[in-house]
N, C-alpha and C. Protein backbone atom coordinates (compact mmCIF):
# COMPACT_ATOMS: atom_id res chain seq x y z
N UNK A 1 124.91 356.74 195.70
CA UNK A 1 123.62 356.90 196.32
C UNK A 1 122.81 358.06 195.73
N UNK A 2 123.45 359.13 195.22
CA UNK A 2 122.66 360.21 194.64
C UNK A 2 121.77 359.77 193.47
N UNK A 3 122.23 358.76 192.71
CA UNK A 3 121.43 358.28 191.59
C UNK A 3 120.15 357.62 192.09
N UNK A 4 120.24 356.88 193.18
CA UNK A 4 119.07 356.23 193.76
C UNK A 4 118.11 357.27 194.32
N UNK A 5 118.66 358.27 195.00
CA UNK A 5 117.83 359.35 195.56
C UNK A 5 117.08 360.07 194.44
N UNK A 6 117.79 360.40 193.37
CA UNK A 6 117.17 361.10 192.24
C UNK A 6 116.07 360.24 191.61
N UNK A 7 116.33 358.95 191.45
CA UNK A 7 115.33 358.05 190.86
C UNK A 7 114.10 357.94 191.74
N UNK A 8 114.30 357.83 193.04
CA UNK A 8 113.16 357.73 193.96
C UNK A 8 112.35 359.03 193.95
N UNK A 9 113.04 360.16 193.92
CA UNK A 9 112.32 361.45 193.86
C UNK A 9 111.51 361.57 192.57
N UNK A 10 112.06 361.12 191.46
CA UNK A 10 111.32 361.17 190.20
C UNK A 10 110.10 360.26 190.23
N UNK A 11 110.26 359.07 190.79
CA UNK A 11 109.12 358.15 190.91
C UNK A 11 108.05 358.73 191.83
N UNK A 12 108.48 359.36 192.92
CA UNK A 12 107.52 359.98 193.84
C UNK A 12 106.79 361.13 193.15
N UNK A 13 107.50 361.90 192.36
CA UNK A 13 106.87 363.00 191.63
C UNK A 13 105.87 362.46 190.61
N UNK A 14 106.22 361.37 189.94
CA UNK A 14 105.28 360.75 189.00
C UNK A 14 104.04 360.25 189.74
N UNK A 15 104.25 359.61 190.88
CA UNK A 15 103.12 359.11 191.67
C UNK A 15 102.22 360.24 192.14
N UNK A 16 102.82 361.35 192.55
CA UNK A 16 102.03 362.49 192.99
C UNK A 16 101.23 363.08 191.83
N UNK A 17 101.85 363.19 190.67
CA UNK A 17 101.14 363.70 189.49
C UNK A 17 100.02 362.76 189.08
N UNK A 18 100.29 361.48 189.13
CA UNK A 18 99.28 360.48 188.78
C UNK A 18 98.10 360.57 189.73
N UNK A 19 98.38 360.65 191.02
CA UNK A 19 97.31 360.76 192.01
C UNK A 19 96.52 362.04 191.88
N UNK A 20 97.21 363.13 191.62
CA UNK A 20 96.52 364.42 191.46
C UNK A 20 95.62 364.42 190.24
N UNK A 21 96.10 363.89 189.13
CA UNK A 21 95.28 363.84 187.92
C UNK A 21 94.10 362.89 188.10
N UNK A 22 94.32 361.77 188.79
CA UNK A 22 93.24 360.82 189.05
C UNK A 22 92.17 361.47 189.93
N UNK A 23 92.64 362.18 190.96
CA UNK A 23 91.73 362.89 191.86
C UNK A 23 90.95 363.98 191.12
N UNK A 24 91.59 364.61 190.12
CA UNK A 24 90.95 365.67 189.35
C UNK A 24 89.92 365.13 188.36
N UNK A 25 89.86 363.82 188.19
CA UNK A 25 88.81 363.25 187.34
C UNK A 25 89.30 362.63 186.05
N UNK A 26 90.58 362.66 185.76
CA UNK A 26 91.12 362.05 184.54
C UNK A 26 91.30 360.56 184.81
N UNK A 27 90.34 359.75 184.33
CA UNK A 27 90.34 358.34 184.69
C UNK A 27 90.43 357.41 183.47
N UNK A 28 91.27 357.77 182.52
CA UNK A 28 91.50 356.89 181.38
C UNK A 28 92.96 356.46 181.42
N UNK A 29 93.36 355.67 180.44
CA UNK A 29 94.75 355.24 180.38
C UNK A 29 95.67 356.42 180.08
N UNK A 30 95.11 357.51 179.58
CA UNK A 30 95.93 358.68 179.27
C UNK A 30 96.45 359.39 180.51
N UNK A 31 95.89 359.05 181.69
CA UNK A 31 96.35 359.67 182.92
C UNK A 31 97.82 359.35 183.14
N UNK A 32 98.27 358.15 182.79
CA UNK A 32 99.67 357.79 182.97
C UNK A 32 100.57 358.58 182.03
N UNK A 33 100.12 358.77 180.80
CA UNK A 33 100.91 359.54 179.84
C UNK A 33 101.00 361.00 180.27
N UNK A 34 99.86 361.56 180.66
CA UNK A 34 99.85 362.95 181.11
C UNK A 34 100.69 363.13 182.37
N UNK A 35 100.61 362.19 183.29
CA UNK A 35 101.40 362.26 184.51
C UNK A 35 102.89 362.15 184.20
N UNK A 36 103.24 361.32 183.25
CA UNK A 36 104.66 361.18 182.88
C UNK A 36 105.20 362.48 182.31
N UNK A 37 104.46 363.12 181.42
CA UNK A 37 104.92 364.39 180.86
C UNK A 37 104.97 365.49 181.92
N UNK A 38 103.97 365.53 182.76
CA UNK A 38 103.94 366.53 183.82
C UNK A 38 105.09 366.31 184.81
N UNK A 39 105.33 365.07 185.21
CA UNK A 39 106.43 364.76 186.13
C UNK A 39 107.78 365.05 185.49
N UNK A 40 107.91 364.78 184.19
CA UNK A 40 109.16 365.07 183.49
C UNK A 40 109.47 366.56 183.54
N UNK A 41 108.48 367.38 183.23
CA UNK A 41 108.69 368.82 183.26
C UNK A 41 108.99 369.34 184.66
N UNK A 42 108.24 368.86 185.63
CA UNK A 42 108.47 369.30 187.00
C UNK A 42 109.82 368.82 187.54
N UNK A 43 110.21 367.61 187.19
CA UNK A 43 111.50 367.11 187.68
C UNK A 43 112.66 367.89 187.06
N UNK A 44 112.49 368.33 185.83
CA UNK A 44 113.54 369.14 185.19
C UNK A 44 113.74 370.44 185.95
N UNK A 45 112.66 371.02 186.43
CA UNK A 45 112.74 372.30 187.13
C UNK A 45 113.07 372.10 188.62
N UNK A 46 112.39 371.16 189.27
CA UNK A 46 112.48 371.03 190.72
C UNK A 46 113.64 370.17 191.21
N UNK A 47 114.12 369.26 190.39
CA UNK A 47 115.13 368.31 190.86
C UNK A 47 116.50 368.54 190.22
N UNK A 48 116.85 369.79 189.97
CA UNK A 48 118.13 370.10 189.34
C UNK A 48 119.30 369.69 190.24
N UNK A 49 119.19 369.94 191.54
CA UNK A 49 120.27 369.59 192.46
C UNK A 49 120.54 368.10 192.53
N UNK A 50 119.52 367.29 192.80
CA UNK A 50 119.75 365.84 192.82
C UNK A 50 120.21 365.28 191.46
N UNK A 51 119.71 365.86 190.37
CA UNK A 51 120.12 365.41 189.04
C UNK A 51 121.61 365.69 188.82
N UNK A 52 122.06 366.88 189.21
CA UNK A 52 123.47 367.22 189.07
C UNK A 52 124.35 366.34 189.95
N UNK A 53 123.88 366.05 191.16
CA UNK A 53 124.65 365.18 192.06
C UNK A 53 124.77 363.77 191.47
N UNK A 54 123.70 363.27 190.88
CA UNK A 54 123.73 361.94 190.26
C UNK A 54 124.67 361.94 189.05
N UNK A 55 124.63 363.00 188.26
CA UNK A 55 125.52 363.08 187.10
C UNK A 55 126.98 363.15 187.54
N UNK A 56 127.26 363.90 188.60
CA UNK A 56 128.63 363.97 189.12
C UNK A 56 129.11 362.60 189.60
N UNK A 57 128.22 361.88 190.29
CA UNK A 57 128.59 360.56 190.77
C UNK A 57 128.92 359.63 189.62
N UNK A 58 128.12 359.64 188.58
CA UNK A 58 128.37 358.77 187.43
C UNK A 58 129.65 359.17 186.70
N UNK A 59 129.90 360.47 186.59
CA UNK A 59 131.12 360.94 185.93
C UNK A 59 132.36 360.56 186.74
N UNK A 60 132.29 360.69 188.06
CA UNK A 60 133.42 360.30 188.91
C UNK A 60 133.68 358.81 188.83
N UNK A 61 132.63 358.03 188.78
CA UNK A 61 132.79 356.58 188.67
C UNK A 61 133.45 356.21 187.34
N UNK A 62 133.03 356.84 186.27
CA UNK A 62 133.63 356.58 184.96
C UNK A 62 135.10 357.00 184.95
N UNK A 63 135.39 358.11 185.57
CA UNK A 63 136.78 358.60 185.62
C UNK A 63 137.66 357.64 186.44
N UNK A 64 137.14 357.13 187.55
CA UNK A 64 137.91 356.16 188.35
C UNK A 64 138.18 354.89 187.55
N UNK A 65 137.19 354.45 186.78
CA UNK A 65 137.39 353.25 185.96
C UNK A 65 138.45 353.49 184.89
N UNK A 66 138.39 354.68 184.27
CA UNK A 66 139.38 355.00 183.25
C UNK A 66 140.77 355.09 183.85
N UNK A 67 140.87 355.71 185.02
CA UNK A 67 142.17 355.86 185.67
C UNK A 67 142.74 354.51 186.10
N UNK A 68 141.89 353.58 186.46
CA UNK A 68 142.34 352.26 186.88
C UNK A 68 142.70 351.38 185.69
N UNK A 69 142.42 351.83 184.50
CA UNK A 69 142.73 351.06 183.31
C UNK A 69 141.70 350.01 182.99
N UNK A 70 140.55 350.07 183.60
CA UNK A 70 139.49 349.10 183.36
C UNK A 70 138.72 349.54 182.12
N UNK A 71 139.07 348.93 180.99
CA UNK A 71 138.44 349.33 179.73
C UNK A 71 137.25 348.45 179.38
N UNK A 72 137.05 347.38 180.13
CA UNK A 72 135.93 346.49 179.82
C UNK A 72 134.67 347.03 180.46
N UNK A 73 133.67 347.15 179.65
CA UNK A 73 132.37 347.61 180.13
C UNK A 73 131.48 346.41 180.42
N UNK A 74 131.77 345.31 179.75
CA UNK A 74 130.95 344.11 179.87
C UNK A 74 131.44 343.24 181.02
N UNK A 75 130.59 342.34 181.44
CA UNK A 75 130.98 341.35 182.43
C UNK A 75 131.89 340.31 181.81
N UNK A 76 132.41 339.40 182.63
CA UNK A 76 133.37 338.40 182.15
C UNK A 76 132.78 337.53 181.04
N UNK A 77 131.58 336.98 181.25
CA UNK A 77 130.97 336.09 180.25
C UNK A 77 130.59 336.86 178.99
N UNK A 78 130.07 338.07 179.16
CA UNK A 78 129.71 338.87 177.99
C UNK A 78 130.97 339.25 177.21
N UNK A 79 132.07 339.52 177.91
CA UNK A 79 133.32 339.84 177.23
C UNK A 79 133.85 338.63 176.46
N UNK A 80 133.70 337.42 177.03
CA UNK A 80 134.11 336.20 176.33
C UNK A 80 133.28 336.03 175.06
N UNK A 81 131.98 336.26 175.14
CA UNK A 81 131.11 336.17 173.96
C UNK A 81 131.52 337.19 172.91
N UNK A 82 131.81 338.40 173.35
CA UNK A 82 132.23 339.45 172.41
C UNK A 82 133.55 339.08 171.74
N UNK A 83 134.47 338.47 172.49
CA UNK A 83 135.75 338.06 171.91
C UNK A 83 135.56 336.97 170.87
N UNK A 84 134.65 336.01 171.13
CA UNK A 84 134.36 334.95 170.16
C UNK A 84 133.76 335.55 168.90
N UNK A 85 132.82 336.50 169.07
CA UNK A 85 132.20 337.16 167.91
C UNK A 85 133.24 337.94 167.11
N UNK A 86 134.13 338.63 167.81
CA UNK A 86 135.17 339.39 167.12
C UNK A 86 136.09 338.47 166.32
N UNK A 87 136.44 337.32 166.90
CA UNK A 87 137.31 336.37 166.20
C UNK A 87 136.60 335.81 164.97
N UNK A 88 135.32 335.49 165.09
CA UNK A 88 134.57 334.98 163.95
C UNK A 88 134.45 336.04 162.86
N UNK A 89 134.27 337.28 163.25
CA UNK A 89 134.17 338.37 162.29
C UNK A 89 135.49 338.56 161.54
N UNK A 90 136.59 338.50 162.28
CA UNK A 90 137.91 338.64 161.65
C UNK A 90 138.18 337.50 160.70
N UNK A 91 137.79 336.28 161.11
CA UNK A 91 137.99 335.11 160.24
C UNK A 91 137.17 335.24 158.97
N UNK A 92 135.95 335.75 159.09
CA UNK A 92 135.10 335.92 157.91
C UNK A 92 135.66 336.99 156.97
N UNK A 93 136.24 338.02 157.52
CA UNK A 93 136.82 339.08 156.68
C UNK A 93 138.09 338.62 155.98
N UNK A 94 138.86 337.74 156.61
CA UNK A 94 140.10 337.25 156.02
C UNK A 94 139.84 336.26 154.89
N UNK A 95 138.66 335.65 154.87
CA UNK A 95 138.34 334.65 153.86
C UNK A 95 138.06 335.26 152.52
């Protein structure tokens, strides 16, 4: 859940920057670019706690997967496709 909270906070910060710049009179397509850069800088400074919590959650999830022996990152069908591609690649190299 920390990753969702962090993402929502970043989107809210972007929306606030966009609204503030629009209200200040910047009414071109560049308002979105300026708001993105401004929100990026502010989120780096203001959202350190939620960012660290999200990073911890992702690291713990990866560690649990490693500990469980789950080495597949892909879904079942994607893994089947990757296995077929690997077999074709090996066959081409052996030829």
